[in-house]
Amino acid sequence: MNESLRIFRKEKQAVWRFGLVGVSNTAVDFAVFFLLTAAGAKAAVAQAVAYGAGMANSYIWNRRWTFQVKRKANIKEVLRFLVVNGLSFGASLAVLLAAERLAPLWLAKLAATIAGMAVNFIGSRYWVFVETGK
């Protein structure tokens, strides 16, 4: 029972950290986007760069702080991270398109965001940032 409680607490902590990192990703995304557009960049270019900056922030902080991975990063891990983010985007888009037919847009967007976060957390926790040899 004590082991189950310890695992639950660790997972709960990881979920909260993941959420905080998500907030920081959004802040990085917005800051880079608005700085680039203020400097004259086209919105599409600024969006691509800003999204990439948010993803880089996500990779670094989720790896180091949320999931506390100790081993050295490698290309396979980065590729898995990109795959999970692609799947997360796909899940959120699918939910958005389905939900917008049934609910107000803000509710559809909320549902899509939750779905994307769930896919991203599960993929990150159990595939991308898994410590081997534990």
N, C-alpha and C. Protein backbone atom coordinates (compact mmCIF):
# COMPACT_ATOMS: atom_id res chain seq x y z
N MET A 1 0.82 -1.20 0.00
CA MET A 1 0.00 0.00 0.00
C MET A 1 0.86 1.25 0.00
N ASN A 2 1.91 1.29 0.80
CA ASN A 2 2.79 2.44 0.87
C ASN A 2 3.45 2.73 -0.48
N GLU A 3 3.83 1.68 -1.20
CA GLU A 3 4.44 1.85 -2.53
C GLU A 3 3.44 2.46 -3.51
N SER A 4 2.20 2.03 -3.47
CA SER A 4 1.15 2.60 -4.34
C SER A 4 0.93 4.08 -4.04
N LEU A 5 0.93 4.42 -2.78
CA LEU A 5 0.76 5.81 -2.37
C LEU A 5 1.93 6.67 -2.84
N ARG A 6 3.14 6.14 -2.74
CA ARG A 6 4.33 6.86 -3.20
C ARG A 6 4.26 7.11 -4.70
N ILE A 7 3.87 6.11 -5.45
CA ILE A 7 3.76 6.24 -6.91
C ILE A 7 2.68 7.26 -7.26
N PHE A 8 1.54 7.19 -6.57
CA PHE A 8 0.46 8.15 -6.82
C PHE A 8 0.93 9.58 -6.58
N ARG A 9 1.62 9.81 -5.47
CA ARG A 9 2.11 11.16 -5.15
C ARG A 9 3.11 11.65 -6.19
N LYS A 10 3.98 10.75 -6.63
CA LYS A 10 4.97 11.12 -7.66
C LYS A 10 4.27 11.48 -8.96
N GLU A 11 3.27 10.70 -9.36
CA GLU A 11 2.53 10.98 -10.59
C GLU A 11 1.74 12.28 -10.47
N LYS A 12 1.14 12.51 -9.32
CA LYS A 12 0.39 13.75 -9.10
C LYS A 12 1.32 14.95 -9.23
N GLN A 13 2.51 14.84 -8.67
CA GLN A 13 3.50 15.91 -8.77
C GLN A 13 3.91 16.12 -10.23
N ALA A 14 4.09 15.06 -10.98
CA ALA A 14 4.47 15.17 -12.38
C ALA A 14 3.36 15.85 -13.19
N VAL A 15 2.11 15.55 -12.89
CA VAL A 15 0.99 16.18 -13.61
C VAL A 15 1.00 17.68 -13.34
N TRP A 16 1.19 18.09 -12.10
CA TRP A 16 1.22 19.52 -11.78
C TRP A 16 2.40 20.21 -12.45
N ARG A 17 3.55 19.58 -12.42
CA ARG A 17 4.73 20.16 -13.08
C ARG A 17 4.50 20.27 -14.58
N PHE A 18 3.91 19.23 -15.15
CA PHE A 18 3.61 19.24 -16.58
C PHE A 18 2.69 20.42 -16.93
N GLY A 19 1.70 20.66 -16.10
CA GLY A 19 0.80 21.79 -16.32
C GLY A 19 1.52 23.12 -16.24
N LEU A 20 2.40 23.27 -15.26
CA LEU A 20 3.16 24.51 -15.13
C LEU A 20 4.10 24.73 -16.32
N VAL A 21 4.71 23.66 -16.77
CA VAL A 21 5.55 23.76 -17.96
C VAL A 21 4.70 24.17 -19.16
N GLY A 22 3.49 23.63 -19.25
CA GLY A 22 2.58 24.01 -20.33
C GLY A 22 2.26 25.50 -20.32
N VAL A 23 2.07 26.05 -19.13
CA VAL A 23 1.84 27.50 -19.01
C VAL A 23 3.07 28.27 -19.49
N SER A 24 4.25 27.80 -19.10
CA SER A 24 5.47 28.49 -19.55
C SER A 24 5.66 28.35 -21.06
N ASN A 25 5.27 27.21 -21.63
CA ASN A 25 5.35 27.04 -23.09
C ASN A 25 4.50 28.08 -23.80
N THR A 26 3.31 28.28 -23.27
CA THR A 26 2.39 29.27 -23.85
C THR A 26 2.98 30.67 -23.75
N ALA A 27 3.59 30.98 -22.61
CA ALA A 27 4.21 32.30 -22.43
C ALA A 27 5.36 32.50 -23.42
N VAL A 28 6.20 31.48 -23.59
CA VAL A 28 7.30 31.56 -24.54
C VAL A 28 6.75 31.74 -25.95
N ASP A 29 5.76 30.94 -26.31
CA ASP A 29 5.14 31.02 -27.63
C ASP A 29 4.62 32.43 -27.90
N PHE A 30 3.83 32.97 -26.97
CA PHE A 30 3.25 34.31 -27.16
C PHE A 30 4.34 35.38 -27.23
N ALA A 31 5.32 35.30 -26.34
CA ALA A 31 6.39 36.31 -26.32
C ALA A 31 7.16 36.33 -27.64
N VAL A 32 7.57 35.16 -28.10
CA VAL A 32 8.33 35.08 -29.35
C VAL A 32 7.46 35.54 -30.51
N PHE A 33 6.21 35.10 -30.56
CA PHE A 33 5.30 35.50 -31.64
C PHE A 33 5.16 37.01 -31.73
N PHE A 34 4.86 37.64 -30.59
CA PHE A 34 4.62 39.08 -30.62
C PHE A 34 5.89 39.89 -30.81
N LEU A 35 7.02 39.40 -30.32
CA LEU A 35 8.29 40.08 -30.59
C LEU A 35 8.63 40.03 -32.08
N LEU A 36 8.44 38.87 -32.68
CA LEU A 36 8.75 38.73 -34.11
C LEU A 36 7.80 39.56 -34.98
N THR A 37 6.52 39.51 -34.67
CA THR A 37 5.58 40.30 -35.48
C THR A 37 5.81 41.79 -35.28
N ALA A 38 6.18 42.21 -34.07
CA ALA A 38 6.49 43.63 -33.83
C ALA A 38 7.73 44.06 -34.60
N ALA A 39 8.63 43.09 -34.84
CA ALA A 39 9.85 43.38 -35.60
C ALA A 39 9.62 43.29 -37.11
N GLY A 40 8.38 42.97 -37.52
CA GLY A 40 8.06 42.96 -38.95
C GLY A 40 7.92 41.60 -39.60
N ALA A 41 8.07 40.53 -38.82
CA ALA A 41 7.93 39.20 -39.40
C ALA A 41 6.47 38.93 -39.75
N LYS A 42 6.27 38.17 -40.80
CA LYS A 42 4.91 37.76 -41.16
C LYS A 42 4.38 36.81 -40.08
N ALA A 43 3.07 36.84 -39.87
CA ALA A 43 2.45 36.07 -38.80
C ALA A 43 2.74 34.57 -38.93
N ALA A 44 2.69 34.03 -40.15
CA ALA A 44 2.91 32.59 -40.34
C ALA A 44 4.34 32.20 -39.95
N VAL A 45 5.30 33.03 -40.32
CA VAL A 45 6.70 32.76 -39.95
C VAL A 45 6.87 32.88 -38.44
N ALA A 46 6.30 33.93 -37.87
CA ALA A 46 6.39 34.13 -36.43
C ALA A 46 5.74 32.97 -35.68
N GLN A 47 4.62 32.48 -36.20
CA GLN A 47 3.93 31.36 -35.55
C GLN A 47 4.80 30.11 -35.56
N ALA A 48 5.42 29.81 -36.69
CA ALA A 48 6.27 28.62 -36.79
C ALA A 48 7.45 28.71 -35.82
N VAL A 49 8.11 29.85 -35.77
CA VAL A 49 9.26 30.03 -34.89
C VAL A 49 8.81 29.99 -33.43
N ALA A 50 7.71 30.67 -33.13
CA ALA A 50 7.21 30.72 -31.75
C ALA A 50 6.78 29.34 -31.27
N TYR A 51 6.10 28.58 -32.12
CA TYR A 51 5.70 27.23 -31.75
C TYR A 51 6.92 26.37 -31.48
N GLY A 52 7.93 26.49 -32.32
CA GLY A 52 9.18 25.76 -32.12
C GLY A 52 9.87 26.14 -30.82
N ALA A 53 9.84 27.42 -30.48
CA ALA A 53 10.43 27.88 -29.22
C ALA A 53 9.67 27.29 -28.03
N GLY A 54 8.35 27.25 -28.12
CA GLY A 54 7.54 26.66 -27.06
C GLY A 54 7.82 25.17 -26.91
N MET A 55 7.98 24.48 -28.05
CA MET A 55 8.30 23.05 -27.99
C MET A 55 9.67 22.81 -27.38
N ALA A 56 10.65 23.65 -27.72
CA ALA A 56 11.99 23.51 -27.15
C ALA A 56 11.93 23.72 -25.63
N ASN A 57 11.18 24.73 -25.21
CA ASN A 57 10.98 24.97 -23.78
C ASN A 57 10.35 23.74 -23.12
N SER A 58 9.34 23.18 -23.77
CA SER A 58 8.66 22.00 -23.26
C SER A 58 9.63 20.83 -23.09
N TYR A 59 10.44 20.58 -24.11
CA TYR A 59 11.37 19.46 -24.06
C TYR A 59 12.35 19.63 -22.89
N ILE A 60 12.94 20.81 -22.80
CA ILE A 60 13.96 21.04 -21.77
C ILE A 60 13.37 20.91 -20.37
N TRP A 61 12.28 21.62 -20.09
CA TRP A 61 11.72 21.63 -18.73
C TRP A 61 11.02 20.34 -18.35
N ASN A 62 10.33 19.71 -19.30
CA ASN A 62 9.69 18.43 -18.97
C ASN A 62 10.75 17.36 -18.73
N ARG A 63 11.80 17.38 -19.52
CA ARG A 63 12.87 16.40 -19.33
C ARG A 63 13.56 16.60 -17.99
N ARG A 64 13.97 17.82 -17.69
CA ARG A 64 14.75 18.09 -16.48
C ARG A 64 13.92 18.14 -15.21
N TRP A 65 12.77 18.80 -15.27
CA TRP A 65 12.03 19.10 -14.04
C TRP A 65 10.83 18.20 -13.83
N THR A 66 9.97 18.08 -14.86
CA THR A 66 8.75 17.28 -14.69
C THR A 66 9.08 15.81 -14.48
N PHE A 67 9.85 15.23 -15.40
CA PHE A 67 10.11 13.79 -15.36
C PHE A 67 11.50 13.45 -14.81
N GLN A 68 12.33 14.46 -14.58
CA GLN A 68 13.64 14.35 -13.94
C GLN A 68 14.50 13.23 -14.52
N VAL A 69 14.68 13.28 -15.84
CA VAL A 69 15.48 12.28 -16.53
C VAL A 69 16.96 12.57 -16.27
N LYS A 70 17.69 11.55 -15.88
CA LYS A 70 19.11 11.71 -15.54
C LYS A 70 20.05 11.35 -16.69
N ARG A 71 19.64 10.42 -17.53
CA ARG A 71 20.53 9.98 -18.60
C ARG A 71 20.68 11.07 -19.65
N LYS A 72 21.71 10.94 -20.45
CA LYS A 72 22.01 11.91 -21.50
C LYS A 72 20.93 11.83 -22.60
N ALA A 73 20.54 12.99 -23.11
CA ALA A 73 19.55 13.04 -24.20
C ALA A 73 20.15 12.42 -25.45
N ASN A 74 19.27 11.89 -26.30
CA ASN A 74 19.73 11.33 -27.57
C ASN A 74 18.69 11.61 -28.66
N ILE A 75 19.07 11.34 -29.88
CA ILE A 75 18.21 11.66 -31.03
C ILE A 75 16.91 10.85 -31.00
N LYS A 76 16.95 9.62 -30.52
CA LYS A 76 15.72 8.81 -30.44
C LYS A 76 14.71 9.46 -29.52
N GLU A 77 15.18 9.98 -28.40
CA GLU A 77 14.29 10.64 -27.46
C GLU A 77 13.67 11.89 -28.10
N VAL A 78 14.48 12.67 -28.79
CA VAL A 78 13.97 13.88 -29.45
C VAL A 78 12.94 13.51 -30.51
N LEU A 79 13.21 12.47 -31.28
CA LEU A 79 12.25 12.03 -32.31
C LEU A 79 10.96 11.53 -31.68
N ARG A 80 11.05 10.80 -30.59
CA ARG A 80 9.85 10.36 -29.87
C ARG A 80 9.05 11.57 -29.37
N PHE A 81 9.77 12.58 -28.86
CA PHE A 81 9.12 13.81 -28.40
C PHE A 81 8.35 14.48 -29.55
N LEU A 82 8.97 14.54 -30.72
CA LEU A 82 8.30 15.15 -31.88
C LEU A 82 7.08 14.33 -32.31
N VAL A 83 7.20 13.01 -32.27
CA VAL A 83 6.06 12.15 -32.62
C VAL A 83 4.91 12.38 -31.65
N VAL A 84 5.21 12.40 -30.34
CA VAL A 84 4.17 12.60 -29.33
C VAL A 84 3.50 13.96 -29.53
N ASN A 85 4.27 14.98 -29.83
CA ASN A 85 3.68 16.30 -30.05
C ASN A 85 2.82 16.32 -31.31
N GLY A 86 3.22 15.59 -32.33
CA GLY A 86 2.38 15.46 -33.53
C GLY A 86 1.08 14.74 -33.23
N LEU A 87 1.16 13.66 -32.44
CA LEU A 87 -0.05 12.93 -32.05
C LEU A 87 -0.95 13.79 -31.16
N SER A 88 -0.34 14.56 -30.28
CA SER A 88 -1.09 15.46 -29.42
C SER A 88 -1.84 16.50 -30.25
N PHE A 89 -1.16 17.05 -31.23
CA PHE A 89 -1.82 18.02 -32.12
C PHE A 89 -2.97 17.34 -32.87
N GLY A 90 -2.73 16.14 -33.39
CA GLY A 90 -3.78 15.42 -34.11
C GLY A 90 -4.99 15.12 -33.24
N ALA A 91 -4.73 14.71 -32.01
CA ALA A 91 -5.84 14.43 -31.08
C ALA A 91 -6.63 15.69 -30.78
N SER A 92 -5.92 16.78 -30.54
CA SER A 92 -6.63 18.03 -30.21
C SER A 92 -7.42 18.53 -31.41
N LEU A 93 -6.87 18.39 -32.59
CA LEU A 93 -7.59 18.82 -33.79
C LEU A 93 -8.84 17.96 -34.01
N ALA A 94 -8.70 16.65 -33.85
CA ALA A 94 -9.85 15.75 -34.02
C ALA A 94 -10.97 16.08 -33.03
N VAL A 95 -10.60 16.30 -31.78
CA VAL A 95 -11.60 16.63 -30.76
C VAL A 95 -12.24 17.98 -31.07
N LEU A 96 -11.44 18.95 -31.47
CA LEU A 96 -11.97 20.27 -31.82
C LEU A 96 -12.99 20.18 -32.94
N LEU A 97 -12.63 19.48 -34.00
CA LEU A 97 -13.53 19.37 -35.15
C LEU A 97 -14.82 18.64 -34.81
N ALA A 98 -14.72 17.63 -33.96
CA ALA A 98 -15.92 16.89 -33.55
C ALA A 98 -16.77 17.70 -32.57
N ALA A 99 -16.10 18.31 -31.61
CA ALA A 99 -16.82 19.00 -30.53
C ALA A 99 -17.46 20.32 -30.98
N GLU A 100 -16.87 20.97 -31.99
CA GLU A 100 -17.43 22.26 -32.40
C GLU A 100 -18.82 22.10 -33.04
N ARG A 101 -19.15 20.90 -33.43
CA ARG A 101 -20.49 20.63 -33.98
C ARG A 101 -21.52 20.46 -32.87
N LEU A 102 -21.04 20.15 -31.66
CA LEU A 102 -21.93 19.82 -30.55
C LEU A 102 -21.97 20.87 -29.45
N ALA A 103 -20.99 21.75 -29.41
CA ALA A 103 -20.85 22.67 -28.28
C ALA A 103 -20.36 24.02 -28.76
N PRO A 104 -20.45 25.04 -27.91
CA PRO A 104 -19.88 26.34 -28.26
C PRO A 104 -18.37 26.20 -28.52
N LEU A 105 -17.84 27.09 -29.32
CA LEU A 105 -16.44 27.00 -29.72
C LEU A 105 -15.48 26.98 -28.52
N TRP A 106 -15.75 27.81 -27.51
CA TRP A 106 -14.85 27.85 -26.36
C TRP A 106 -14.81 26.50 -25.64
N LEU A 107 -15.95 25.81 -25.58
CA LEU A 107 -16.00 24.51 -24.94
C LEU A 107 -15.31 23.46 -25.80
N ALA A 108 -15.49 23.56 -27.10
CA ALA A 108 -14.80 22.65 -28.02
C ALA A 108 -13.29 22.82 -27.90
N LYS A 109 -12.83 24.07 -27.82
CA LYS A 109 -11.40 24.35 -27.68
C LYS A 109 -10.87 23.81 -26.35
N LEU A 110 -11.64 23.97 -25.29
CA LEU A 110 -11.25 23.45 -23.98
C LEU A 110 -11.11 21.93 -24.03
N ALA A 111 -12.10 21.27 -24.61
CA ALA A 111 -12.05 19.81 -24.74
C ALA A 111 -10.85 19.37 -25.58
N ALA A 112 -10.58 20.10 -26.65
CA ALA A 112 -9.45 19.78 -27.52
C ALA A 112 -8.13 19.95 -26.77
N THR A 113 -8.03 21.00 -25.98
CA THR A 113 -6.82 21.26 -25.21
C THR A 113 -6.58 20.16 -24.18
N ILE A 114 -7.62 19.75 -23.51
CA ILE A 114 -7.50 18.68 -22.51
C ILE A 114 -7.09 17.37 -23.19
N ALA A 115 -7.68 17.07 -24.33
CA ALA A 115 -7.32 15.85 -25.05
C ALA A 115 -5.86 15.88 -25.48
N GLY A 116 -5.43 17.01 -26.02
CA GLY A 116 -4.04 17.15 -26.45
C GLY A 116 -3.07 17.02 -25.28
N MET A 117 -3.42 17.64 -24.16
CA MET A 117 -2.57 17.55 -22.97
C MET A 117 -2.48 16.12 -22.46
N ALA A 118 -3.60 15.41 -22.49
CA ALA A 118 -3.60 14.02 -22.02
C ALA A 118 -2.69 13.15 -22.88
N VAL A 119 -2.82 13.27 -24.19
CA VAL A 119 -1.97 12.50 -25.10
C VAL A 119 -0.51 12.87 -24.88
N ASN A 120 -0.24 14.16 -24.74
CA ASN A 120 1.13 14.62 -24.55
C ASN A 120 1.71 14.11 -23.23
N PHE A 121 0.94 14.19 -22.15
CA PHE A 121 1.45 13.72 -20.86
C PHE A 121 1.72 12.22 -20.90
N ILE A 122 0.76 11.45 -21.36
CA ILE A 122 0.92 9.99 -21.38
C ILE A 122 2.10 9.58 -22.27
N GLY A 123 2.17 10.19 -23.44
CA GLY A 123 3.30 9.88 -24.34
C GLY A 123 4.64 10.28 -23.76
N SER A 124 4.68 11.46 -23.14
CA SER A 124 5.93 11.93 -22.55
C SER A 124 6.34 11.07 -21.36
N ARG A 125 5.38 10.75 -20.52
CA ARG A 125 5.66 10.00 -19.29
C ARG A 125 6.04 8.56 -19.56
N TYR A 126 5.38 7.92 -20.51
CA TYR A 126 5.55 6.48 -20.69
C TYR A 126 6.32 6.09 -21.95
N TRP A 127 6.72 7.08 -22.78
CA TRP A 127 7.47 6.72 -23.99
C TRP A 127 8.68 7.62 -24.21
N VAL A 128 8.52 8.92 -24.08
CA VAL A 128 9.62 9.83 -24.38
C VAL A 128 10.65 9.88 -23.26
N PHE A 129 10.20 10.17 -22.05
CA PHE A 129 11.12 10.41 -20.94
C PHE A 129 11.20 9.24 -19.97
N VAL A 130 11.17 8.04 -20.48
CA VAL A 130 11.23 6.85 -19.64
C VAL A 130 12.69 6.58 -19.29
N GLU A 131 12.94 6.41 -18.02
CA GLU A 131 14.27 6.05 -17.55
C GLU A 131 14.45 4.54 -17.73
N THR A 132 15.47 4.15 -18.44
CA THR A 132 15.73 2.72 -18.64
C THR A 132 16.64 2.22 -17.53
N GLY A 133 16.52 0.97 -17.22
CA GLY A 133 17.38 0.34 -16.23
C GLY A 133 17.01 0.61 -14.79
N LYS A 134 15.75 1.02 -14.54
CA LYS A 134 15.33 1.27 -13.15
C LYS A 134 14.91 -0.02 -12.50
